[in-house]
N, C-alpha and C. Protein backbone atom coordinates (compact mmCIF):
# COMPACT_ATOMS: atom_id res chain seq x y z
N UNK A 1 -14.21 -15.44 15.05
CA UNK A 1 -14.36 -15.50 13.60
C UNK A 1 -13.93 -16.86 13.06
N UNK A 2 -12.92 -17.46 13.72
CA UNK A 2 -12.52 -18.81 13.29
C UNK A 2 -13.65 -19.80 13.49
N UNK A 3 -14.37 -19.66 14.60
CA UNK A 3 -15.50 -20.56 14.88
C UNK A 3 -16.60 -20.38 13.84
N UNK A 4 -16.85 -19.11 13.46
CA UNK A 4 -17.88 -18.85 12.45
C UNK A 4 -17.49 -19.48 11.11
N UNK A 5 -16.21 -19.34 10.73
CA UNK A 5 -15.76 -19.94 9.48
C UNK A 5 -15.89 -21.46 9.52
N UNK A 6 -15.53 -22.06 10.65
CA UNK A 6 -15.68 -23.51 10.78
C UNK A 6 -17.15 -23.90 10.66
N UNK A 7 -18.04 -23.09 11.25
CA UNK A 7 -19.46 -23.37 11.17
C UNK A 7 -19.98 -23.32 9.74
N UNK A 8 -19.50 -22.34 8.96
CA UNK A 8 -19.95 -22.25 7.56
C UNK A 8 -19.46 -23.45 6.76
N UNK A 9 -18.23 -23.91 7.05
CA UNK A 9 -17.73 -25.09 6.34
C UNK A 9 -18.58 -26.31 6.69
N UNK A 10 -18.94 -26.43 7.95
CA UNK A 10 -19.76 -27.56 8.41
C UNK A 10 -21.14 -27.54 7.75
N UNK A 11 -21.77 -26.36 7.78
CA UNK A 11 -23.09 -26.24 7.17
C UNK A 11 -23.02 -26.40 5.65
N UNK A 12 -21.91 -25.94 5.07
CA UNK A 12 -21.75 -26.07 3.63
C UNK A 12 -21.74 -27.53 3.18
N UNK A 13 -21.19 -28.39 4.02
CA UNK A 13 -21.16 -29.82 3.69
C UNK A 13 -22.58 -30.36 3.51
N UNK A 14 -23.47 -30.00 4.45
CA UNK A 14 -24.86 -30.47 4.35
C UNK A 14 -25.59 -29.77 3.21
N UNK A 15 -25.25 -28.51 2.97
CA UNK A 15 -25.90 -27.77 1.89
C UNK A 15 -25.60 -28.39 0.54
N UNK A 16 -24.36 -28.83 0.34
CA UNK A 16 -23.99 -29.46 -0.93
C UNK A 16 -24.73 -30.77 -1.13
N UNK A 17 -24.88 -31.52 -0.04
CA UNK A 17 -25.60 -32.79 -0.15
C UNK A 17 -27.07 -32.58 -0.51
N UNK A 18 -27.65 -31.50 0.00
CA UNK A 18 -29.07 -31.22 -0.26
C UNK A 18 -29.27 -30.40 -1.54
N UNK A 19 -28.15 -29.97 -2.13
CA UNK A 19 -28.22 -29.18 -3.37
C UNK A 19 -29.14 -27.98 -3.20
N UNK A 20 -28.89 -27.21 -2.14
CA UNK A 20 -29.73 -26.06 -1.81
C UNK A 20 -28.99 -24.78 -2.22
N UNK A 21 -29.33 -24.18 -3.37
CA UNK A 21 -28.60 -22.99 -3.83
C UNK A 21 -28.78 -21.78 -2.91
N UNK A 22 -29.94 -21.64 -2.29
CA UNK A 22 -30.17 -20.51 -1.39
C UNK A 22 -29.26 -20.61 -0.18
N UNK A 23 -29.16 -21.81 0.40
CA UNK A 23 -28.28 -22.02 1.54
C UNK A 23 -26.82 -21.78 1.15
N UNK A 24 -26.42 -22.28 0.00
CA UNK A 24 -25.04 -22.12 -0.45
C UNK A 24 -24.70 -20.65 -0.63
N UNK A 25 -25.62 -19.89 -1.21
CA UNK A 25 -25.38 -18.46 -1.42
C UNK A 25 -25.29 -17.73 -0.08
N UNK A 26 -26.16 -18.07 0.85
CA UNK A 26 -26.13 -17.42 2.17
C UNK A 26 -24.83 -17.71 2.90
N UNK A 27 -24.38 -18.96 2.84
CA UNK A 27 -23.12 -19.33 3.50
C UNK A 27 -21.93 -18.62 2.85
N UNK A 28 -21.97 -18.47 1.53
CA UNK A 28 -20.89 -17.78 0.84
C UNK A 28 -20.83 -16.31 1.27
N UNK A 29 -21.99 -15.69 1.45
CA UNK A 29 -22.04 -14.30 1.90
C UNK A 29 -21.49 -14.17 3.31
N UNK A 30 -21.84 -15.12 4.18
CA UNK A 30 -21.34 -15.08 5.55
C UNK A 30 -19.81 -15.23 5.55
N UNK A 31 -19.32 -16.14 4.76
CA UNK A 31 -17.87 -16.38 4.71
C UNK A 31 -17.13 -15.14 4.23
N UNK A 32 -17.64 -14.48 3.18
CA UNK A 32 -16.99 -13.26 2.67
C UNK A 32 -16.99 -12.17 3.73
N UNK A 33 -18.10 -12.04 4.47
CA UNK A 33 -18.19 -11.02 5.51
C UNK A 33 -17.20 -11.29 6.63
N UNK A 34 -17.04 -12.57 7.01
CA UNK A 34 -16.09 -12.92 8.07
C UNK A 34 -14.66 -12.65 7.62
N UNK A 35 -14.33 -12.99 6.38
CA UNK A 35 -12.97 -12.74 5.87
C UNK A 35 -12.69 -11.25 5.81
N UNK A 36 -13.69 -10.47 5.46
CA UNK A 36 -13.53 -9.01 5.43
C UNK A 36 -13.28 -8.48 6.84
N UNK A 37 -14.05 -8.97 7.82
CA UNK A 37 -13.84 -8.55 9.21
C UNK A 37 -12.45 -8.95 9.69
N UNK A 38 -12.01 -10.13 9.29
CA UNK A 38 -10.68 -10.60 9.69
C UNK A 38 -9.60 -9.68 9.15
N UNK A 39 -9.75 -9.23 7.91
CA UNK A 39 -8.76 -8.34 7.32
C UNK A 39 -8.75 -6.98 8.02
N UNK A 40 -9.92 -6.48 8.38
CA UNK A 40 -10.00 -5.21 9.10
C UNK A 40 -9.25 -5.31 10.43
N UNK A 41 -9.47 -6.39 11.16
CA UNK A 41 -8.80 -6.57 12.44
C UNK A 41 -7.28 -6.64 12.26
N UNK A 42 -6.84 -7.38 11.26
CA UNK A 42 -5.39 -7.50 11.02
C UNK A 42 -4.79 -6.15 10.66
N UNK A 43 -5.48 -5.36 9.84
CA UNK A 43 -4.97 -4.04 9.47
C UNK A 43 -4.88 -3.13 10.69
N UNK A 44 -5.89 -3.18 11.55
CA UNK A 44 -5.86 -2.34 12.75
C UNK A 44 -4.76 -2.77 13.71
N UNK A 45 -4.54 -4.08 13.84
CA UNK A 45 -3.46 -4.56 14.70
C UNK A 45 -2.10 -4.14 14.16
N UNK A 46 -1.93 -4.21 12.83
CA UNK A 46 -0.66 -3.79 12.24
C UNK A 46 -0.41 -2.32 12.49
N UNK A 47 -1.49 -1.52 12.44
CA UNK A 47 -1.34 -0.09 12.66
C UNK A 47 -1.00 0.23 14.11
N UNK A 48 -1.55 -0.54 15.05
CA UNK A 48 -1.37 -0.24 16.47
C UNK A 48 -0.14 -0.90 17.07
N UNK A 49 0.51 -1.81 16.33
CA UNK A 49 1.64 -2.54 16.88
C UNK A 49 2.91 -1.71 16.75
N UNK A 50 3.10 -0.79 17.68
CA UNK A 50 4.19 0.17 17.59
C UNK A 50 5.42 -0.23 18.41
N UNK A 51 5.25 -1.00 19.46
CA UNK A 51 6.34 -1.18 20.40
C UNK A 51 7.38 -2.20 19.94
N UNK A 52 7.09 -3.02 18.93
CA UNK A 52 8.01 -4.07 18.53
C UNK A 52 8.80 -3.73 17.28
N UNK A 53 8.71 -2.51 16.80
CA UNK A 53 9.38 -2.15 15.55
C UNK A 53 10.90 -2.11 15.72
N UNK A 54 11.59 -2.52 14.68
CA UNK A 54 13.04 -2.47 14.66
C UNK A 54 13.47 -1.37 13.69
N UNK A 55 14.14 -0.38 14.21
CA UNK A 55 14.55 0.76 13.39
C UNK A 55 15.96 0.50 12.85
N UNK A 56 16.04 -0.37 11.86
CA UNK A 56 17.33 -0.71 11.25
C UNK A 56 17.46 0.01 9.91
N UNK A 57 18.70 0.37 9.51
CA UNK A 57 18.88 1.00 8.19
C UNK A 57 18.45 0.04 7.08
N UNK A 58 17.57 0.51 6.21
CA UNK A 58 17.04 -0.33 5.14
C UNK A 58 17.17 0.38 3.79
N UNK A 59 17.52 -0.36 2.73
CA UNK A 59 17.66 0.23 1.38
C UNK A 59 16.30 0.35 0.69
N UNK A 60 15.82 1.55 0.54
CA UNK A 60 14.49 1.74 -0.03
C UNK A 60 14.41 1.33 -1.49
N UNK A 61 15.50 1.46 -2.24
CA UNK A 61 15.45 1.05 -3.64
C UNK A 61 15.20 -0.45 -3.76
N UNK A 62 15.83 -1.24 -2.89
CA UNK A 62 15.61 -2.69 -2.92
C UNK A 62 14.19 -3.04 -2.49
N UNK A 63 13.66 -2.31 -1.50
CA UNK A 63 12.31 -2.61 -1.02
C UNK A 63 11.27 -2.22 -2.08
N UNK A 64 11.50 -1.11 -2.77
CA UNK A 64 10.61 -0.73 -3.86
C UNK A 64 10.59 -1.80 -4.95
N UNK A 65 11.77 -2.30 -5.31
CA UNK A 65 11.85 -3.34 -6.33
C UNK A 65 11.18 -4.63 -5.86
N UNK A 66 11.31 -4.94 -4.57
CA UNK A 66 10.64 -6.13 -4.03
C UNK A 66 9.13 -5.99 -4.12
N UNK A 67 8.62 -4.81 -3.75
CA UNK A 67 7.17 -4.58 -3.85
C UNK A 67 6.71 -4.67 -5.30
N UNK A 68 7.50 -4.12 -6.20
CA UNK A 68 7.14 -4.16 -7.62
C UNK A 68 7.12 -5.60 -8.13
N UNK A 69 8.06 -6.41 -7.67
CA UNK A 69 8.10 -7.82 -8.10
C UNK A 69 6.85 -8.55 -7.61
N UNK A 70 6.38 -8.21 -6.42
CA UNK A 70 5.21 -8.89 -5.86
C UNK A 70 3.92 -8.56 -6.60
N UNK A 71 3.86 -7.38 -7.23
CA UNK A 71 2.66 -7.01 -7.99
C UNK A 71 2.93 -7.06 -9.49
N UNK A 72 4.08 -7.61 -9.87
CA UNK A 72 4.47 -7.63 -11.27
C UNK A 72 3.50 -8.38 -12.17
N UNK A 73 2.89 -9.44 -11.64
CA UNK A 73 1.94 -10.18 -12.45
C UNK A 73 0.76 -9.33 -12.88
N UNK A 74 0.32 -8.44 -12.01
CA UNK A 74 -0.82 -7.59 -12.34
C UNK A 74 -0.44 -6.51 -13.34
N UNK A 75 0.77 -5.97 -13.22
CA UNK A 75 1.19 -4.96 -14.19
C UNK A 75 1.31 -5.55 -15.59
N UNK A 76 1.79 -6.79 -15.67
CA UNK A 76 1.89 -7.45 -16.98
C UNK A 76 0.51 -7.79 -17.53
N UNK A 77 -0.36 -8.28 -16.65
CA UNK A 77 -1.70 -8.66 -17.10
C UNK A 77 -2.46 -7.47 -17.65
N UNK A 78 -2.29 -6.30 -17.04
CA UNK A 78 -3.02 -5.11 -17.47
C UNK A 78 -2.22 -4.24 -18.45
N UNK A 79 -1.09 -4.77 -18.90
CA UNK A 79 -0.26 -4.08 -19.90
C UNK A 79 0.15 -2.68 -19.41
N UNK A 80 0.65 -2.65 -18.20
CA UNK A 80 1.09 -1.38 -17.60
C UNK A 80 2.61 -1.27 -17.74
N UNK A 81 3.03 -0.18 -18.31
CA UNK A 81 4.46 0.08 -18.45
C UNK A 81 5.00 0.67 -17.15
N UNK A 82 6.09 0.10 -16.66
CA UNK A 82 6.70 0.56 -15.41
C UNK A 82 7.98 1.32 -15.72
N UNK A 83 8.07 2.54 -15.23
CA UNK A 83 9.26 3.37 -15.41
C UNK A 83 9.84 3.69 -14.03
N UNK A 84 11.11 3.33 -13.82
CA UNK A 84 11.77 3.58 -12.54
C UNK A 84 12.84 4.66 -12.71
N UNK A 85 12.84 5.58 -11.79
CA UNK A 85 13.85 6.62 -11.76
C UNK A 85 14.37 6.75 -10.33
N UNK A 86 15.52 6.13 -10.08
CA UNK A 86 16.10 6.10 -8.75
C UNK A 86 17.38 6.92 -8.72
N UNK A 87 17.56 7.67 -7.65
CA UNK A 87 18.83 8.35 -7.44
C UNK A 87 19.92 7.31 -7.21
N UNK A 88 21.13 7.55 -7.73
CA UNK A 88 22.21 6.57 -7.52
C UNK A 88 22.65 6.52 -6.06
N UNK A 89 22.86 5.31 -5.56
CA UNK A 89 23.35 5.09 -4.20
C UNK A 89 22.55 5.86 -3.15
N UNK A 90 21.24 5.67 -3.09
CA UNK A 90 20.46 6.38 -2.05
C UNK A 90 20.83 5.87 -0.67
N UNK A 91 20.86 6.74 0.33
CA UNK A 91 21.19 6.30 1.69
C UNK A 91 20.07 5.46 2.27
N UNK A 92 20.38 4.57 3.20
CA UNK A 92 19.32 3.79 3.85
C UNK A 92 18.51 4.65 4.80
N UNK A 93 17.33 4.16 5.13
CA UNK A 93 16.45 4.84 6.07
C UNK A 93 16.15 3.87 7.22
N UNK A 94 16.11 4.36 8.44
CA UNK A 94 15.90 3.50 9.60
C UNK A 94 14.40 3.28 9.81
N UNK A 95 13.95 2.12 9.33
CA UNK A 95 12.53 1.78 9.35
C UNK A 95 12.39 0.28 9.54
N UNK A 96 11.16 -0.17 9.77
CA UNK A 96 10.85 -1.59 9.77
C UNK A 96 10.60 -2.00 8.32
N UNK A 97 11.39 -2.95 7.83
CA UNK A 97 11.33 -3.33 6.42
C UNK A 97 9.95 -3.85 6.02
N UNK A 98 9.37 -4.72 6.83
CA UNK A 98 8.09 -5.31 6.48
C UNK A 98 6.97 -4.26 6.43
N UNK A 99 7.02 -3.30 7.35
CA UNK A 99 5.98 -2.28 7.35
C UNK A 99 6.06 -1.38 6.13
N UNK A 100 7.26 -0.93 5.79
CA UNK A 100 7.37 -0.03 4.63
C UNK A 100 7.13 -0.80 3.34
N UNK A 101 7.46 -2.10 3.32
CA UNK A 101 7.13 -2.93 2.16
C UNK A 101 5.63 -2.98 1.97
N UNK A 102 4.88 -3.13 3.05
CA UNK A 102 3.43 -3.16 2.95
C UNK A 102 2.87 -1.82 2.44
N UNK A 103 3.49 -0.72 2.87
CA UNK A 103 3.08 0.59 2.37
C UNK A 103 3.27 0.67 0.86
N UNK A 104 4.44 0.25 0.38
CA UNK A 104 4.72 0.32 -1.06
C UNK A 104 3.78 -0.60 -1.85
N UNK A 105 3.53 -1.80 -1.34
CA UNK A 105 2.62 -2.72 -2.03
C UNK A 105 1.24 -2.11 -2.15
N UNK A 106 0.77 -1.50 -1.08
CA UNK A 106 -0.56 -0.88 -1.10
C UNK A 106 -0.64 0.23 -2.15
N UNK A 107 0.39 1.08 -2.19
CA UNK A 107 0.38 2.18 -3.16
C UNK A 107 0.45 1.66 -4.59
N UNK A 108 1.26 0.62 -4.81
CA UNK A 108 1.37 0.06 -6.15
C UNK A 108 0.05 -0.59 -6.59
N UNK A 109 -0.59 -1.32 -5.68
CA UNK A 109 -1.86 -1.95 -6.03
C UNK A 109 -2.92 -0.91 -6.34
N UNK A 110 -2.95 0.17 -5.57
CA UNK A 110 -3.91 1.25 -5.86
C UNK A 110 -3.67 1.81 -7.25
N UNK A 111 -2.39 2.02 -7.60
CA UNK A 111 -2.07 2.57 -8.92
C UNK A 111 -2.47 1.61 -10.03
N UNK A 112 -2.19 0.32 -9.82
CA UNK A 112 -2.53 -0.68 -10.84
C UNK A 112 -4.05 -0.75 -11.02
N UNK A 113 -4.80 -0.74 -9.92
CA UNK A 113 -6.26 -0.81 -10.00
C UNK A 113 -6.85 0.42 -10.68
N UNK A 114 -6.11 1.53 -10.65
CA UNK A 114 -6.59 2.75 -11.30
C UNK A 114 -6.40 2.70 -12.81
N UNK A 115 -5.69 1.68 -13.32
CA UNK A 115 -5.41 1.59 -14.76
C UNK A 115 -5.81 0.22 -15.30
N UNK A 116 -7.09 -0.13 -15.26
CA UNK A 116 -7.51 -1.46 -15.71
C UNK A 116 -7.29 -1.69 -17.20
N UNK A 117 -7.21 -0.62 -17.97
CA UNK A 117 -7.00 -0.75 -19.42
C UNK A 117 -5.56 -0.48 -19.82
N UNK A 118 -4.66 -0.46 -18.84
CA UNK A 118 -3.25 -0.19 -19.14
C UNK A 118 -2.89 1.26 -18.89
N UNK A 119 -1.60 1.53 -18.89
CA UNK A 119 -1.12 2.88 -18.64
C UNK A 119 0.33 2.85 -18.27
N UNK A 120 0.77 3.88 -17.58
CA UNK A 120 2.17 4.02 -17.19
C UNK A 120 2.24 4.19 -15.68
N UNK A 121 3.10 3.42 -15.05
CA UNK A 121 3.36 3.51 -13.62
C UNK A 121 4.79 3.99 -13.43
N UNK A 122 4.94 5.15 -12.81
CA UNK A 122 6.28 5.72 -12.59
C UNK A 122 6.65 5.65 -11.11
N UNK A 123 7.82 5.11 -10.85
CA UNK A 123 8.35 5.04 -9.49
C UNK A 123 9.59 5.91 -9.40
N UNK A 124 9.62 6.77 -8.40
CA UNK A 124 10.77 7.67 -8.22
C UNK A 124 11.36 7.53 -6.83
N UNK A 125 12.67 7.67 -6.74
CA UNK A 125 13.36 7.66 -5.45
C UNK A 125 14.47 8.71 -5.54
N UNK A 126 14.30 9.79 -4.77
CA UNK A 126 15.22 10.92 -4.88
C UNK A 126 15.73 11.32 -3.50
N UNK A 127 16.89 11.91 -3.48
CA UNK A 127 17.48 12.37 -2.23
C UNK A 127 17.47 13.89 -2.19
N UNK A 128 17.17 14.46 -1.02
CA UNK A 128 17.14 15.90 -0.89
C UNK A 128 17.36 16.34 0.54
N UNK A 129 17.23 17.65 0.75
CA UNK A 129 17.35 18.23 2.08
C UNK A 129 16.21 19.22 2.30
N UNK A 130 15.68 19.23 3.51
CA UNK A 130 14.59 20.12 3.84
C UNK A 130 15.08 21.54 4.09
N UNK A 131 14.16 22.43 4.44
CA UNK A 131 14.50 23.83 4.68
C UNK A 131 15.50 23.98 5.81
N UNK A 132 15.45 23.07 6.80
CA UNK A 132 16.38 23.13 7.92
C UNK A 132 17.68 22.39 7.64
N UNK A 133 17.81 21.88 6.41
CA UNK A 133 19.04 21.20 6.04
C UNK A 133 19.06 19.72 6.37
N UNK A 134 17.96 19.18 6.89
CA UNK A 134 17.92 17.76 7.25
C UNK A 134 17.73 16.91 5.99
N UNK A 135 18.50 15.82 5.86
CA UNK A 135 18.38 14.97 4.66
C UNK A 135 17.11 14.12 4.70
N UNK A 136 16.61 13.81 3.52
CA UNK A 136 15.43 12.95 3.42
C UNK A 136 15.46 12.22 2.08
N UNK A 137 14.65 11.18 1.99
CA UNK A 137 14.41 10.50 0.73
C UNK A 137 12.96 10.73 0.32
N UNK A 138 12.77 10.96 -0.96
CA UNK A 138 11.44 11.18 -1.52
C UNK A 138 11.08 10.00 -2.41
N UNK A 139 9.96 9.36 -2.11
CA UNK A 139 9.46 8.24 -2.91
C UNK A 139 8.18 8.69 -3.59
N UNK A 140 8.08 8.48 -4.89
CA UNK A 140 6.88 8.87 -5.63
C UNK A 140 6.31 7.66 -6.37
N UNK A 141 4.98 7.55 -6.34
CA UNK A 141 4.26 6.53 -7.10
C UNK A 141 3.22 7.27 -7.92
N UNK A 142 3.38 7.24 -9.23
CA UNK A 142 2.52 8.04 -10.12
C UNK A 142 1.87 7.13 -11.16
N UNK A 143 0.58 7.31 -11.36
CA UNK A 143 -0.14 6.53 -12.37
C UNK A 143 -0.80 7.46 -13.37
N UNK A 144 -1.22 6.88 -14.50
CA UNK A 144 -1.90 7.65 -15.54
C UNK A 144 -3.38 7.27 -15.60
N UNK A 145 -3.94 6.94 -14.44
CA UNK A 145 -5.35 6.59 -14.37
C UNK A 145 -6.25 7.80 -14.44
N UNK A 146 -7.51 7.64 -14.05
CA UNK A 146 -8.49 8.72 -14.20
C UNK A 146 -8.36 9.83 -13.17
N UNK A 147 -7.46 9.67 -12.20
CA UNK A 147 -7.33 10.69 -11.16
C UNK A 147 -8.39 10.55 -10.09
N UNK A 148 -8.30 11.41 -9.09
CA UNK A 148 -9.22 11.36 -7.96
C UNK A 148 -10.16 12.56 -8.05
N UNK A 149 -11.45 12.33 -8.06
CA UNK A 149 -12.41 13.45 -8.13
C UNK A 149 -12.22 14.41 -6.96
N UNK A 150 -12.46 15.68 -7.20
CA UNK A 150 -12.26 16.71 -6.18
C UNK A 150 -12.98 16.41 -4.86
N UNK A 151 -14.25 15.97 -4.87
CA UNK A 151 -14.94 15.74 -3.60
C UNK A 151 -14.33 14.61 -2.77
N UNK A 152 -13.57 13.70 -3.40
CA UNK A 152 -13.03 12.54 -2.69
C UNK A 152 -11.58 12.73 -2.25
N UNK A 153 -10.91 13.73 -2.81
CA UNK A 153 -9.48 13.86 -2.59
C UNK A 153 -9.14 14.03 -1.11
N UNK A 154 -9.95 14.75 -0.38
CA UNK A 154 -9.66 14.98 1.03
C UNK A 154 -10.06 13.84 1.94
N UNK A 155 -10.62 12.77 1.37
CA UNK A 155 -11.10 11.66 2.19
C UNK A 155 -10.26 10.39 2.05
N UNK A 156 -9.29 10.37 1.14
CA UNK A 156 -8.64 9.10 0.82
C UNK A 156 -7.83 8.54 1.98
N UNK A 157 -7.42 9.37 2.93
CA UNK A 157 -6.68 8.88 4.09
C UNK A 157 -7.59 8.61 5.29
N UNK A 158 -8.91 8.79 5.11
CA UNK A 158 -9.83 8.52 6.21
C UNK A 158 -9.98 7.02 6.40
N UNK A 159 -10.11 6.56 7.66
CA UNK A 159 -10.31 5.12 7.88
C UNK A 159 -11.64 4.65 7.31
N UNK A 160 -11.61 3.47 6.69
CA UNK A 160 -12.78 2.79 6.13
C UNK A 160 -13.35 3.49 4.91
N UNK A 161 -12.63 4.48 4.37
CA UNK A 161 -13.11 5.10 3.13
C UNK A 161 -12.52 4.35 1.95
N UNK A 162 -13.36 3.94 1.01
CA UNK A 162 -12.89 3.28 -0.20
C UNK A 162 -13.88 3.54 -1.32
N UNK A 163 -13.35 3.61 -2.54
CA UNK A 163 -14.20 3.73 -3.71
C UNK A 163 -14.42 2.36 -4.36
N UNK A 164 -13.76 1.31 -3.83
CA UNK A 164 -13.84 -0.03 -4.43
C UNK A 164 -14.90 -0.82 -3.68
N UNK A 165 -16.13 -0.62 -3.99
CA UNK A 165 -17.25 -1.17 -3.24
C UNK A 165 -17.37 -2.68 -3.39
N UNK A 166 -16.90 -3.25 -4.50
CA UNK A 166 -17.12 -4.67 -4.75
C UNK A 166 -15.83 -5.46 -4.79
N UNK A 167 -14.74 -4.91 -4.27
CA UNK A 167 -13.47 -5.61 -4.33
C UNK A 167 -13.05 -6.22 -3.01
N UNK A 168 -13.85 -6.04 -1.95
CA UNK A 168 -13.45 -6.53 -0.64
C UNK A 168 -12.48 -5.60 0.06
N UNK A 169 -12.25 -4.43 -0.52
CA UNK A 169 -11.32 -3.48 0.08
C UNK A 169 -11.91 -2.90 1.36
N UNK A 170 -11.07 -2.81 2.42
CA UNK A 170 -11.57 -2.35 3.72
C UNK A 170 -11.51 -0.84 3.87
N UNK A 171 -10.76 -0.15 3.01
CA UNK A 171 -10.60 1.28 3.18
C UNK A 171 -9.59 1.65 4.25
N UNK A 172 -8.78 0.69 4.67
CA UNK A 172 -7.77 0.96 5.70
C UNK A 172 -6.36 1.07 5.13
N UNK A 173 -6.18 0.75 3.85
CA UNK A 173 -4.83 0.72 3.28
C UNK A 173 -4.08 2.03 3.41
N UNK A 174 -4.65 3.12 2.90
CA UNK A 174 -3.98 4.42 2.96
C UNK A 174 -3.97 4.99 4.37
N UNK A 175 -4.99 4.69 5.14
CA UNK A 175 -5.03 5.13 6.54
C UNK A 175 -3.88 4.51 7.32
N UNK A 176 -3.67 3.20 7.16
CA UNK A 176 -2.56 2.52 7.83
C UNK A 176 -1.22 3.00 7.27
N UNK A 177 -1.15 3.19 5.95
CA UNK A 177 0.09 3.65 5.34
C UNK A 177 0.52 5.01 5.91
N UNK A 178 -0.42 5.91 6.05
CA UNK A 178 -0.09 7.21 6.62
C UNK A 178 0.38 7.07 8.06
N UNK A 179 -0.26 6.19 8.83
CA UNK A 179 0.18 5.98 10.20
C UNK A 179 1.60 5.47 10.29
N UNK A 180 1.96 4.55 9.40
CA UNK A 180 3.31 4.01 9.39
C UNK A 180 4.32 5.07 9.00
N UNK A 181 4.02 5.81 7.94
CA UNK A 181 4.96 6.85 7.48
C UNK A 181 5.15 7.92 8.55
N UNK A 182 4.07 8.38 9.15
CA UNK A 182 4.19 9.43 10.16
C UNK A 182 4.89 8.93 11.42
N UNK A 183 4.80 7.64 11.70
CA UNK A 183 5.50 7.08 12.85
C UNK A 183 7.01 7.25 12.70
N UNK A 184 7.49 7.21 11.47
CA UNK A 184 8.92 7.40 11.20
C UNK A 184 9.24 8.86 10.90
N UNK A 185 8.41 9.77 11.38
CA UNK A 185 8.61 11.21 11.23
C UNK A 185 8.57 11.63 9.76
N UNK A 186 7.84 10.87 8.94
CA UNK A 186 7.75 11.19 7.53
C UNK A 186 6.42 11.83 7.18
N UNK A 187 6.23 12.07 5.89
CA UNK A 187 5.00 12.68 5.39
C UNK A 187 4.54 11.92 4.15
N UNK A 188 3.24 11.83 3.96
CA UNK A 188 2.68 11.25 2.75
C UNK A 188 1.60 12.19 2.22
N UNK A 189 1.70 12.54 0.96
CA UNK A 189 0.76 13.48 0.35
C UNK A 189 0.29 12.94 -0.99
N UNK A 190 -0.83 13.46 -1.46
CA UNK A 190 -1.37 13.06 -2.75
C UNK A 190 -1.61 14.30 -3.60
N UNK A 191 -1.25 14.19 -4.87
CA UNK A 191 -1.56 15.24 -5.83
C UNK A 191 -2.29 14.59 -6.99
N UNK A 192 -3.45 15.10 -7.32
CA UNK A 192 -4.22 14.51 -8.40
C UNK A 192 -5.20 15.52 -8.96
N UNK A 193 -5.37 15.46 -10.26
CA UNK A 193 -6.45 16.19 -10.94
C UNK A 193 -7.28 15.16 -11.67
N UNK A 194 -8.60 15.33 -11.62
CA UNK A 194 -9.48 14.39 -12.29
C UNK A 194 -9.16 14.32 -13.77
N UNK A 195 -8.93 13.11 -14.25
CA UNK A 195 -8.58 12.91 -15.65
C UNK A 195 -7.10 12.97 -15.93
N UNK A 196 -6.27 13.23 -14.91
CA UNK A 196 -4.83 13.39 -15.13
C UNK A 196 -3.98 12.50 -14.22
N UNK A 197 -4.55 11.42 -13.72
CA UNK A 197 -3.76 10.50 -12.91
C UNK A 197 -3.58 10.99 -11.49
N UNK A 198 -2.75 10.25 -10.75
CA UNK A 198 -2.50 10.58 -9.35
C UNK A 198 -1.03 10.37 -9.02
N UNK A 199 -0.53 11.17 -8.09
CA UNK A 199 0.85 11.08 -7.64
C UNK A 199 0.85 11.04 -6.12
N UNK A 200 1.36 9.94 -5.56
CA UNK A 200 1.52 9.82 -4.12
C UNK A 200 3.00 10.02 -3.79
N UNK A 201 3.28 10.92 -2.87
CA UNK A 201 4.66 11.23 -2.50
C UNK A 201 4.88 10.96 -1.02
N UNK A 202 5.97 10.26 -0.72
CA UNK A 202 6.36 9.98 0.66
C UNK A 202 7.72 10.61 0.92
N UNK A 203 7.85 11.33 2.02
CA UNK A 203 9.14 11.86 2.47
C UNK A 203 9.53 11.14 3.75
N UNK A 204 10.71 10.54 3.77
CA UNK A 204 11.23 9.85 4.95
C UNK A 204 12.58 10.44 5.32
N UNK A 205 12.76 10.85 6.57
CA UNK A 205 14.03 11.47 6.96
C UNK A 205 15.17 10.45 7.04
N UNK A 206 16.37 10.91 6.72
CA UNK A 206 17.59 10.11 6.85
C UNK A 206 18.42 10.68 8.00
N UNK A 207 19.40 9.91 8.43
CA UNK A 207 20.35 10.37 9.41
C UNK A 207 21.66 10.73 8.71
N UNK A 208 22.28 11.79 9.20
CA UNK A 208 23.52 12.24 8.59
C UNK A 208 24.57 11.12 8.57
N UNK A 209 24.61 10.31 9.64
CA UNK A 209 25.62 9.26 9.72
C UNK A 209 25.37 8.14 8.72
N UNK A 210 24.15 8.07 8.15
CA UNK A 210 23.85 7.03 7.17
C UNK A 210 24.07 7.48 5.73
N UNK A 211 24.38 8.75 5.55
CA UNK A 211 24.63 9.24 4.18
C UNK A 211 25.94 8.69 3.65
N UNK A 212 26.02 8.45 2.33
CA UNK A 212 27.28 7.98 1.76
C UNK A 212 28.42 8.96 2.03
N UNK A 213 29.53 8.45 2.44
CA UNK A 213 30.70 9.28 2.72
C UNK A 213 31.43 9.62 1.41
N UNK A 214 31.77 10.90 1.22
CA UNK A 214 32.51 11.25 0.00
C UNK A 214 33.87 10.56 0.00
N UNK A 215 34.23 10.00 -1.13
CA UNK A 215 35.50 9.30 -1.23
C UNK A 215 36.65 10.28 -1.39
N UNK A 216 37.66 10.06 -0.62
CA UNK A 216 38.84 10.92 -0.70
C UNK A 216 39.72 10.56 -1.87
N UNK A 217 40.61 11.43 -2.16
CA UNK A 217 41.51 11.17 -3.29
C UNK A 217 42.61 10.18 -2.88
């Protein structure tokens, strides 16, 4: 793909000199297709790269805020109100920081793109225990966009499925996100009604030894 990109740059030089709009348009299409293929390959490699992960305790509240800061320009541009509701002193979760950051960025971008005319983006971080008593953290990303139509709701985690036909989206974002979350023994689910926004929920297990210790008197 690098060779193809170099070739388009080389041919583009001659195309500009000849002022050939047809050639320029064709080269631009080739370049966009190569960049799209490059992104698909990178997403698949990120999903399959399992053996090098570092399972270190990470603060999810800080990572959520970092992801929000990275997409903050888009929330301001689209006049989206951000509401955060975090449990106090949430325990860390043993995950790869960069991978879970990418998951959060993807979910936030999806929510922002669902509200081009503005809306409300709610981020939640809560602590709980499952039926077997195991501790977990619950992360929620909720938007007030148009929601997901019923026929599409069961397909959003399928590889290469996307409703953004003209944005260069590969349809691998949620597929890769689910793979990352499930790798850490977690769950990711979506709740949405058409016309009522969407809510993505992630459950990630904690370890008892990482829970805050009650302070003695």
